[in-house]
């Protein structure tokens, strides 16, 4: 009876995966001052409205605005609804 030859085992060491640290830059944008009634400015819309009221054309020294740019940030469906609302509100 023949004896079976022992199997030769080859082992390889697998190095652990390289996990790289994310590389990004972050910063804080400076808040713009908002214009309110009486030529006053404030950083917070609620506080500015409470203290000075809304900005009006009557008090304006420069020509009135011809356009207002609005940005909508959020989920797609509510954003689309807001865009439709803004289009319907356009007097032209």
PDB file of N, CA and C in Angstrom:
ATOM      1  N   UNK A   1       0.807  -1.156   0.000  1.00  0.00           N
ATOM      2  CA  UNK A   1       0.000   0.000   0.000  1.00  0.00           C
ATOM      3  C   UNK A   1       0.874   1.252   0.000  1.00  0.00           C
ATOM      4  N   UNK A   2       0.535   2.130  -0.906  1.00  0.00           N
ATOM      5  CA  UNK A   2       1.337   3.346  -1.020  1.00  0.00           C
ATOM      6  C   UNK A   2       0.766   4.423  -0.112  1.00  0.00           C
ATOM      7  N   UNK A   3       1.657   5.126   0.448  1.00  0.00           N
ATOM      8  CA  UNK A   3       1.234   6.251   1.277  1.00  0.00           C
ATOM      9  C   UNK A   3       1.038   7.479   0.398  1.00  0.00           C
ATOM     10  N   UNK A   4      -0.013   8.242   0.721  1.00  0.00           N
ATOM     11  CA  UNK A   4      -0.265   9.479  -0.039  1.00  0.00           C
ATOM     12  C   UNK A   4       0.781  10.516   0.346  1.00  0.00           C
ATOM     13  N   UNK A   5       1.265  11.208  -0.660  1.00  0.00           N
ATOM     14  CA  UNK A   5       2.259  12.243  -0.392  1.00  0.00           C
ATOM     15  C   UNK A   5       1.559  13.414   0.314  1.00  0.00           C
ATOM     16  N   UNK A   6       2.185  13.930   1.309  1.00  0.00           N
ATOM     17  CA  UNK A   6       1.562  15.095   1.969  1.00  0.00           C
ATOM     18  C   UNK A   6       1.509  16.278   1.002  1.00  0.00           C
ATOM     19  N   UNK A   7       0.385  16.982   1.040  1.00  0.00           N
ATOM     20  CA  UNK A   7       0.193  18.176   0.192  1.00  0.00           C
ATOM     21  C   UNK A   7       1.078  19.297   0.718  1.00  0.00           C
ATOM     22  N   UNK A   8       1.688  19.975  -0.190  1.00  0.00           N
ATOM     23  CA  UNK A   8       2.527  21.102   0.184  1.00  0.00           C
ATOM     24  C   UNK A   8       1.648  22.358   0.208  1.00  0.00           C
ATOM     25  N   UNK A   9       1.622  23.049   1.319  1.00  0.00           N
ATOM     26  CA  UNK A   9       0.787  24.240   1.481  1.00  0.00           C
ATOM     27  C   UNK A   9       1.635  25.491   1.261  1.00  0.00           C
ATOM     28  N   UNK A  10       1.112  26.369   0.403  1.00  0.00           N
ATOM     29  CA  UNK A  10       1.795  27.636   0.145  1.00  0.00           C
ATOM     30  C   UNK A  10       0.943  28.732   0.790  1.00  0.00           C
ATOM     31  N   UNK A  11       1.542  29.509   1.616  1.00  0.00           N
ATOM     32  CA  UNK A  11       0.805  30.609   2.257  1.00  0.00           C
ATOM     33  C   UNK A  11       1.369  31.938   1.788  1.00  0.00           C
ATOM     34  N   UNK A  12       0.453  32.853   1.606  1.00  0.00           N
ATOM     35  CA  UNK A  12       0.824  34.223   1.228  1.00  0.00           C
ATOM     36  C   UNK A  12       0.271  35.164   2.287  1.00  0.00           C
ATOM     37  N   UNK A  13       1.053  36.114   2.670  1.00  0.00           N
ATOM     38  CA  UNK A  13       0.585  37.117   3.611  1.00  0.00           C
ATOM     39  C   UNK A  13       0.001  38.272   2.809  1.00  0.00           C
ATOM     40  N   UNK A  14      -1.262  38.568   3.059  1.00  0.00           N
ATOM     41  CA  UNK A  14      -1.936  39.667   2.364  1.00  0.00           C
ATOM     42  C   UNK A  14      -1.877  40.890   3.272  1.00  0.00           C
ATOM     43  N   UNK A  15      -1.284  41.956   2.770  1.00  0.00           N
ATOM     44  CA  UNK A  15      -1.176  43.152   3.616  1.00  0.00           C
ATOM     45  C   UNK A  15      -2.570  43.755   3.839  1.00  0.00           C
ATOM     46  N   UNK A  16      -2.778  44.421   4.950  1.00  0.00           N
ATOM     47  CA  UNK A  16      -4.074  45.059   5.182  1.00  0.00           C
ATOM     48  C   UNK A  16      -4.292  46.175   4.158  1.00  0.00           C
ATOM     49  N   UNK A  17      -5.546  46.471   3.841  1.00  0.00           N
ATOM     50  CA  UNK A  17      -5.802  47.527   2.857  1.00  0.00           C
ATOM     51  C   UNK A  17      -5.331  48.882   3.378  1.00  0.00           C
ATOM     52  N   UNK A  18      -4.869  49.691   2.449  1.00  0.00           N
ATOM     53  CA  UNK A  18      -4.439  51.047   2.814  1.00  0.00           C
ATOM     54  C   UNK A  18      -5.657  51.938   2.899  1.00  0.00           C
ATOM     55  N   UNK A  19      -5.843  52.543   4.013  1.00  0.00           N
ATOM     56  CA  UNK A  19      -6.948  53.480   4.195  1.00  0.00           C
ATOM     57  C   UNK A  19      -6.332  54.869   4.267  1.00  0.00           C
ATOM     58  N   UNK A  20      -6.659  55.664   3.266  1.00  0.00           N
ATOM     59  CA  UNK A  20      -6.086  56.996   3.224  1.00  0.00           C
ATOM     60  C   UNK A  20      -6.991  57.974   3.969  1.00  0.00           C
ATOM     61  N   UNK A  21      -6.379  58.892   4.633  1.00  0.00           N
ATOM     62  CA  UNK A  21      -7.122  59.929   5.335  1.00  0.00           C
ATOM     63  C   UNK A  21      -7.707  60.885   4.311  1.00  0.00           C
ATOM     64  N   UNK A  22      -9.006  61.221   4.433  1.00  0.00           N
ATOM     65  CA  UNK A  22      -9.595  62.168   3.483  1.00  0.00           C
ATOM     66  C   UNK A  22      -8.854  63.506   3.523  1.00  0.00           C
ATOM     67  N   UNK A  23      -8.740  64.100   2.368  1.00  0.00           N
ATOM     68  CA  UNK A  23      -8.048  65.373   2.264  1.00  0.00           C
ATOM     69  C   UNK A  23      -9.019  66.402   1.704  1.00  0.00           C
ATOM     70  N   UNK A  24      -9.453  67.331   2.522  1.00  0.00           N
ATOM     71  CA  UNK A  24     -10.332  68.382   2.050  1.00  0.00           C
ATOM     72  C   UNK A  24     -10.098  69.644   2.861  1.00  0.00           C
ATOM     73  N   UNK A  25     -10.533  70.727   2.292  1.00  0.00           N
ATOM     74  CA  UNK A  25     -10.422  72.007   2.983  1.00  0.00           C
ATOM     75  C   UNK A  25     -11.823  72.484   3.327  1.00  0.00           C
ATOM     76  N   UNK A  26     -11.964  73.097   4.451  1.00  0.00           N
ATOM     77  CA  UNK A  26     -13.251  73.632   4.876  1.00  0.00           C
ATOM     78  C   UNK A  26     -13.043  75.054   5.357  1.00  0.00           C
ATOM     79  N   UNK A  27     -14.087  75.804   5.307  1.00  0.00           N
ATOM     80  CA  UNK A  27     -14.012  77.181   5.768  1.00  0.00           C
ATOM     81  C   UNK A  27     -15.397  77.710   6.072  1.00  0.00           C
ATOM     82  N   UNK A  28     -15.448  78.902   6.550  1.00  0.00           N
ATOM     83  CA  UNK A  28     -16.709  79.559   6.873  1.00  0.00           C
ATOM     84  C   UNK A  28     -16.821  80.798   5.999  1.00  0.00           C
ATOM     85  N   UNK A  29     -17.935  80.901   5.300  1.00  0.00           N
ATOM     86  CA  UNK A  29     -18.167  82.082   4.479  1.00  0.00           C
ATOM     87  C   UNK A  29     -18.688  83.212   5.354  1.00  0.00           C
ATOM     88  N   UNK A  30     -18.243  84.394   5.072  1.00  0.00           N
ATOM     89  CA  UNK A  30     -18.709  85.555   5.830  1.00  0.00           C
ATOM     90  C   UNK A  30     -20.159  85.851   5.441  1.00  0.00           C
ATOM     91  N   UNK A  31     -20.998  86.066   6.445  1.00  0.00           N
ATOM     92  CA  UNK A  31     -22.406  86.359   6.200  1.00  0.00           C
ATOM     93  C   UNK A  31     -22.536  87.756   5.581  1.00  0.00           C
ATOM     94  N   UNK A  32     -23.375  87.886   4.542  1.00  0.00           N
ATOM     95  CA  UNK A  32     -23.559  89.212   3.956  1.00  0.00           C
ATOM     96  C   UNK A  32     -24.498  90.048   4.819  1.00  0.00           C
ATOM     97  N   UNK A  33     -24.340  91.352   4.755  1.00  0.00           N
ATOM     98  CA  UNK A  33     -25.282  92.241   5.422  1.00  0.00           C
ATOM     99  C   UNK A  33     -26.494  92.418   4.521  1.00  0.00           C
ATOM    100  N   UNK A  34     -27.673  92.338   5.092  1.00  0.00           N
ATOM    101  CA  UNK A  34     -28.922  92.488   4.353  1.00  0.00           C
ATOM    102  C   UNK A  34     -29.440  93.908   4.535  1.00  0.00           C
ATOM    103  N   UNK A  35     -30.088  94.443   3.505  1.00  0.00           N
ATOM    104  CA  UNK A  35     -30.610  95.813   3.544  1.00  0.00           C
ATOM    105  C   UNK A  35     -32.039  95.817   4.072  1.00  0.00           C
ATOM    106  N   UNK A  36     -32.337  96.790   4.956  1.00  0.00           N
ATOM    107  CA  UNK A  36     -33.669  96.935   5.537  1.00  0.00           C
ATOM    108  C   UNK A  36     -34.101  98.396   5.457  1.00  0.00           C
ATOM    109  N   UNK A  37     -35.272  98.667   5.964  1.00  0.00           N
ATOM    110  CA  UNK A  37     -35.820 100.024   5.923  1.00  0.00           C
ATOM    111  C   UNK A  37     -34.911 101.038   6.598  1.00  0.00           C
ATOM    112  N   UNK A  38     -35.037 102.283   6.145  1.00  0.00           N
ATOM    113  CA  UNK A  38     -34.246 103.367   6.722  1.00  0.00           C
ATOM    114  C   UNK A  38     -32.769 103.261   6.437  1.00  0.00           C
ATOM    115  N   UNK A  39     -32.406 102.559   5.373  1.00  0.00           N
ATOM    116  CA  UNK A  39     -30.998 102.376   4.980  1.00  0.00           C
ATOM    117  C   UNK A  39     -30.187 101.658   6.051  1.00  0.00           C
ATOM    118  N   UNK A  40     -30.826 100.802   6.839  1.00  0.00           N
ATOM    119  CA  UNK A  40     -30.123 100.027   7.854  1.00  0.00           C
ATOM    120  C   UNK A  40     -29.732  98.668   7.274  1.00  0.00           C
ATOM    121  N   UNK A  41     -28.701  98.096   7.852  1.00  0.00           N
ATOM    122  CA  UNK A  41     -28.225  96.773   7.442  1.00  0.00           C
ATOM    123  C   UNK A  41     -28.087  95.889   8.669  1.00  0.00           C
ATOM    124  N   UNK A  42     -28.340  94.614   8.472  1.00  0.00           N
ATOM    125  CA  UNK A  42     -28.187  93.649   9.571  1.00  0.00           C
ATOM    126  C   UNK A  42     -27.869  92.291   8.967  1.00  0.00           C
ATOM    127  N   UNK A  43     -27.210  91.447   9.740  1.00  0.00           N
ATOM    128  CA  UNK A  43     -26.825  90.125   9.262  1.00  0.00           C
ATOM    129  C   UNK A  43     -27.982  89.130   9.343  1.00  0.00           C
ATOM    130  N   UNK A  44     -28.906  89.332  10.293  1.00  0.00           N
ATOM    131  CA  UNK A  44     -30.002  88.390  10.525  1.00  0.00           C
ATOM    132  C   UNK A  44     -31.310  88.933   9.947  1.00  0.00           C
ATOM    133  N   UNK A  45     -31.979  88.163   9.067  1.00  0.00           N
ATOM    134  CA  UNK A  45     -33.195  88.680   8.440  1.00  0.00           C
ATOM    135  C   UNK A  45     -34.330  88.944   9.428  1.00  0.00           C
ATOM    136  N   UNK A  46     -34.518  88.071  10.405  1.00  0.00           N
ATOM    137  CA  UNK A  46     -35.611  88.281  11.371  1.00  0.00           C
ATOM    138  C   UNK A  46     -35.366  89.508  12.235  1.00  0.00           C
ATOM    139  N   UNK A  47     -34.156  89.641  12.724  1.00  0.00           N
ATOM    140  CA  UNK A  47     -33.822  90.793  13.568  1.00  0.00           C
ATOM    141  C   UNK A  47     -33.894  92.081  12.760  1.00  0.00           C
ATOM    142  N   UNK A  48     -33.361  92.063  11.544  1.00  0.00           N
ATOM    143  CA  UNK A  48     -33.396  93.262  10.702  1.00  0.00           C
ATOM    144  C   UNK A  48     -34.814  93.713  10.400  1.00  0.00           C
ATOM    145  N   UNK A  49     -35.700  92.765  10.099  1.00  0.00           N
ATOM    146  CA  UNK A  49     -37.104  93.125   9.848  1.00  0.00           C
ATOM    147  C   UNK A  49     -37.766  93.663  11.101  1.00  0.00           C
ATOM    148  N   UNK A  50     -37.492  93.041  12.243  1.00  0.00           N
ATOM    149  CA  UNK A  50     -38.102  93.491  13.499  1.00  0.00           C
ATOM    150  C   UNK A  50     -37.633  94.889  13.887  1.00  0.00           C
ATOM    151  N   UNK A  51     -36.357  95.159  13.679  1.00  0.00           N
ATOM    152  CA  UNK A  51     -35.817  96.462  14.085  1.00  0.00           C
ATOM    153  C   UNK A  51     -36.100  97.580  13.084  1.00  0.00           C
ATOM    154  N   UNK A  52     -35.979  97.280  11.793  1.00  0.00           N
ATOM    155  CA  UNK A  52     -35.992  98.340  10.785  1.00  0.00           C
ATOM    156  C   UNK A  52     -37.106  98.228   9.761  1.00  0.00           C
ATOM    157  N   UNK A  53     -37.785  97.113   9.714  1.00  0.00           N
ATOM    158  CA  UNK A  53     -38.818  96.908   8.699  1.00  0.00           C
ATOM    159  C   UNK A  53     -38.203  96.559   7.357  1.00  0.00           C
ATOM    160  N   UNK A  54     -39.059  96.293   6.367  1.00  0.00           N
ATOM    161  CA  UNK A  54     -38.539  95.887   5.053  1.00  0.00           C
ATOM    162  C   UNK A  54     -37.918  97.058   4.290  1.00  0.00           C
ATOM    163  N   UNK A  55     -37.026  96.715   3.420  1.00  0.00           N
ATOM    164  CA  UNK A  55     -36.419  97.687   2.512  1.00  0.00           C
ATOM    165  C   UNK A  55     -37.477  98.121   1.511  1.00  0.00           C
ATOM    166  N   UNK A  56     -37.573  99.374   1.232  1.00  0.00           N
ATOM    167  CA  UNK A  56     -38.571  99.853   0.272  1.00  0.00           C
ATOM    168  C   UNK A  56     -37.913 100.702  -0.803  1.00  0.00           C
ATOM    169  N   UNK A  57     -38.549 100.728  -1.967  1.00  0.00           N
ATOM    170  CA  UNK A  57     -38.029 101.516  -3.093  1.00  0.00           C
ATOM    171  C   UNK A  57     -38.098 103.010  -2.767  1.00  0.00           C
ATOM    172  N   UNK A  58     -39.085 103.417  -1.996  1.00  0.00           N
ATOM    173  CA  UNK A  58     -39.266 104.820  -1.643  1.00  0.00           C
ATOM    174  C   UNK A  58     -38.005 105.415  -1.022  1.00  0.00           C
ATOM    175  N   UNK A  59     -37.301 104.617  -0.233  1.00  0.00           N
ATOM    176  CA  UNK A  59     -36.104 105.098   0.454  1.00  0.00           C
ATOM    177  C   UNK A  59     -34.834 104.916  -0.372  1.00  0.00           C
ATOM    178  N   UNK A  60     -34.980 104.397  -1.550  1.00  0.00           N
ATOM    179  CA  UNK A  60     -33.828 104.000  -2.345  1.00  0.00           C
ATOM    180  C   UNK A  60     -33.202 105.188  -3.057  1.00  0.00           C
ATOM    181  N   UNK A  61     -31.883 105.300  -2.956  1.00  0.00           N
ATOM    182  CA  UNK A  61     -31.155 106.357  -3.653  1.00  0.00           C
ATOM    183  C   UNK A  61     -30.733 105.903  -5.047  1.00  0.00           C
ATOM    184  N   UNK A  62     -30.446 104.631  -5.189  1.00  0.00           N
ATOM    185  CA  UNK A  62     -30.033 104.077  -6.476  1.00  0.00           C
ATOM    186  C   UNK A  62     -31.261 103.622  -7.260  1.00  0.00           C
ATOM    187  N   UNK A  63     -31.138 103.355  -8.552  1.00  0.00           N
ATOM    188  CA  UNK A  63     -32.274 102.854  -9.330  1.00  0.00           C
ATOM    189  C   UNK A  63     -32.788 101.538  -8.745  1.00  0.00           C
ATOM    190  N   UNK A  64     -34.089 101.270  -8.859  1.00  0.00           N
ATOM    191  CA  UNK A  64     -34.637 100.032  -8.308  1.00  0.00           C
ATOM    192  C   UNK A  64     -34.057  98.799  -9.002  1.00  0.00           C
ATOM    193  N   UNK A  65     -34.100  97.695  -8.298  1.00  0.00           N
ATOM    194  CA  UNK A  65     -33.611  96.434  -8.857  1.00  0.00           C
ATOM    195  C   UNK A  65     -34.498  95.998 -10.013  1.00  0.00           C
ATOM    196  N   UNK A  66     -33.881  95.475 -11.060  1.00  0.00           N
ATOM    197  CA  UNK A  66     -34.670  94.958 -12.180  1.00  0.00           C
ATOM    198  C   UNK A  66     -34.826  93.445 -12.085  1.00  0.00           C
ATOM    199  N   UNK A  67     -33.917  92.782 -11.365  1.00  0.00           N
ATOM    200  CA  UNK A  67     -34.015  91.329 -11.178  1.00  0.00           C
ATOM    201  C   UNK A  67     -33.560  90.971  -9.775  1.00  0.00           C
ATOM    202  N   UNK A  68     -34.042  89.843  -9.318  1.00  0.00           N
ATOM    203  CA  UNK A  68     -33.600  89.284  -8.037  1.00  0.00           C
ATOM    204  C   UNK A  68     -33.230  87.828  -8.313  1.00  0.00           C
ATOM    205  N   UNK A  69     -32.029  87.447  -7.950  1.00  0.00           N
ATOM    206  CA  UNK A  69     -31.589  86.072  -8.132  1.00  0.00           C
ATOM    207  C   UNK A  69     -31.915  85.282  -6.875  1.00  0.00           C
ATOM    208  N   UNK A  70     -32.603  84.150  -7.068  1.00  0.00           N
ATOM    209  CA  UNK A  70     -33.008  83.305  -5.945  1.00  0.00           C
ATOM    210  C   UNK A  70     -32.373  81.930  -6.128  1.00  0.00           C
ATOM    211  N   UNK A  71     -31.763  81.427  -5.087  1.00  0.00           N
ATOM    212  CA  UNK A  71     -31.216  80.074  -5.108  1.00  0.00           C
ATOM    213  C   UNK A  71     -32.045  79.183  -4.202  1.00  0.00           C
ATOM    214  N   UNK A  72     -32.353  77.981  -4.678  1.00  0.00           N
ATOM    215  CA  UNK A  72     -33.147  77.033  -3.901  1.00  0.00           C
ATOM    216  C   UNK A  72     -32.259  75.849  -3.570  1.00  0.00           C
ATOM    217  N   UNK A  73     -32.096  75.579  -2.285  1.00  0.00           N
ATOM    218  CA  UNK A  73     -31.262  74.473  -1.847  1.00  0.00           C
ATOM    219  C   UNK A  73     -32.152  73.515  -1.067  1.00  0.00           C
ATOM    220  N   UNK A  74     -32.153  72.264  -1.466  1.00  0.00           N
ATOM    221  CA  UNK A  74     -32.954  71.276  -0.756  1.00  0.00           C
ATOM    222  C   UNK A  74     -33.273  70.094  -1.642  1.00  0.00           C
ATOM    223  N   UNK A  75     -34.136  69.208  -1.160  1.00  0.00           N
ATOM    224  CA  UNK A  75     -34.521  68.044  -1.960  1.00  0.00           C
ATOM    225  C   UNK A  75     -35.183  68.461  -3.267  1.00  0.00           C
ATOM    226  N   UNK A  76     -35.092  67.613  -4.261  1.00  0.00           N
ATOM    227  CA  UNK A  76     -35.548  67.938  -5.609  1.00  0.00           C
ATOM    228  C   UNK A  76     -37.040  68.300  -5.673  1.00  0.00           C
ATOM    229  N   UNK A  77     -37.919  67.471  -5.135  1.00  0.00           N
ATOM    230  CA  UNK A  77     -39.357  67.713  -5.294  1.00  0.00           C
ATOM    231  C   UNK A  77     -39.821  69.021  -4.659  1.00  0.00           C
ATOM    232  N   UNK A  78     -39.485  69.297  -3.399  1.00  0.00           N
ATOM    233  CA  UNK A  78     -39.888  70.604  -2.865  1.00  0.00           C
ATOM    234  C   UNK A  78     -39.249  71.758  -3.635  1.00  0.00           C
ATOM    235  N   UNK A  79     -38.023  71.559  -4.094  1.00  0.00           N
ATOM    236  CA  UNK A  79     -37.348  72.607  -4.867  1.00  0.00           C
ATOM    237  C   UNK A  79     -38.056  72.888  -6.176  1.00  0.00           C
ATOM    238  N   UNK A  80     -38.545  71.838  -6.838  1.00  0.00           N
ATOM    239  CA  UNK A  80     -39.286  72.027  -8.091  1.00  0.00           C
ATOM    240  C   UNK A  80     -40.588  72.765  -7.825  1.00  0.00           C
ATOM    241  N   UNK A  81     -41.241  72.432  -6.706  1.00  0.00           N
ATOM    242  CA  UNK A  81     -42.477  73.131  -6.349  1.00  0.00           C
ATOM    243  C   UNK A  81     -42.226  74.609  -6.097  1.00  0.00           C
ATOM    244  N   UNK A  82     -41.121  74.923  -5.428  1.00  0.00           N
ATOM    245  CA  UNK A  82     -40.784  76.322  -5.158  1.00  0.00           C
ATOM    246  C   UNK A  82     -40.463  77.045  -6.456  1.00  0.00           C
ATOM    247  N   UNK A  83     -39.771  76.372  -7.377  1.00  0.00           N
ATOM    248  CA  UNK A  83     -39.456  76.995  -8.668  1.00  0.00           C
ATOM    249  C   UNK A  83     -40.734  77.301  -9.436  1.00  0.00           C
ATOM    250  N   UNK A  84     -41.722  76.402  -9.403  1.00  0.00           N
ATOM    251  CA  UNK A  84     -43.012  76.651 -10.075  1.00  0.00           C
ATOM    252  C   UNK A  84     -43.722  77.835  -9.416  1.00  0.00           C
ATOM    253  N   UNK A  85     -43.678  77.884  -8.087  1.00  0.00           N
ATOM    254  CA  UNK A  85     -44.304  78.989  -7.365  1.00  0.00           C
ATOM    255  C   UNK A  85     -43.670  80.322  -7.746  1.00  0.00           C
ATOM    256  N   UNK A  86     -42.328  80.334  -7.808  1.00  0.00           N
ATOM    257  CA  UNK A  86     -41.637  81.583  -8.163  1.00  0.00           C
ATOM    258  C   UNK A  86     -41.972  81.993  -9.596  1.00  0.00           C
ATOM    259  N   UNK A  87     -42.060  81.035 -10.514  1.00  0.00           N
ATOM    260  CA  UNK A  87     -42.415  81.360 -11.903  1.00  0.00           C
ATOM    261  C   UNK A  87     -43.839  81.922 -11.978  1.00  0.00           C
ATOM    262  N   UNK A  88     -44.761  81.333 -11.204  1.00  0.00           N
ATOM    263  CA  UNK A  88     -46.151  81.811 -11.215  1.00  0.00           C
ATOM    264  C   UNK A  88     -46.259  83.193 -10.587  1.00  0.00           C
ATOM    265  N   UNK A  89     -45.326  83.540  -9.707  1.00  0.00           N
ATOM    266  CA  UNK A  89     -45.357  84.842  -9.044  1.00  0.00           C
ATOM    267  C   UNK A  89     -44.767  85.953  -9.906  1.00  0.00           C
ATOM    268  N   UNK A  90     -44.122  85.598 -11.007  1.00  0.00           N
ATOM    269  CA  UNK A  90     -43.491  86.588 -11.876  1.00  0.00           C
ATOM    270  C   UNK A  90     -44.564  87.382 -12.605  1.00  0.00           C
ATOM    271  N   UNK A  91     -44.599  88.709 -12.441  1.00  0.00           N
ATOM    272  CA  UNK A  91     -45.636  89.510 -13.076  1.00  0.00           C
ATOM    273  C   UNK A  91     -45.526  89.593 -14.601  1.00  0.00           C
ATOM    274  N   UNK A  92     -44.383  89.250 -15.151  1.00  0.00           N
ATOM    275  CA  UNK A  92     -44.205  89.384 -16.607  1.00  0.00           C
ATOM    276  C   UNK A  92     -44.740  88.204 -17.344  1.00  0.00           C
TER     277      UNK A  92
END
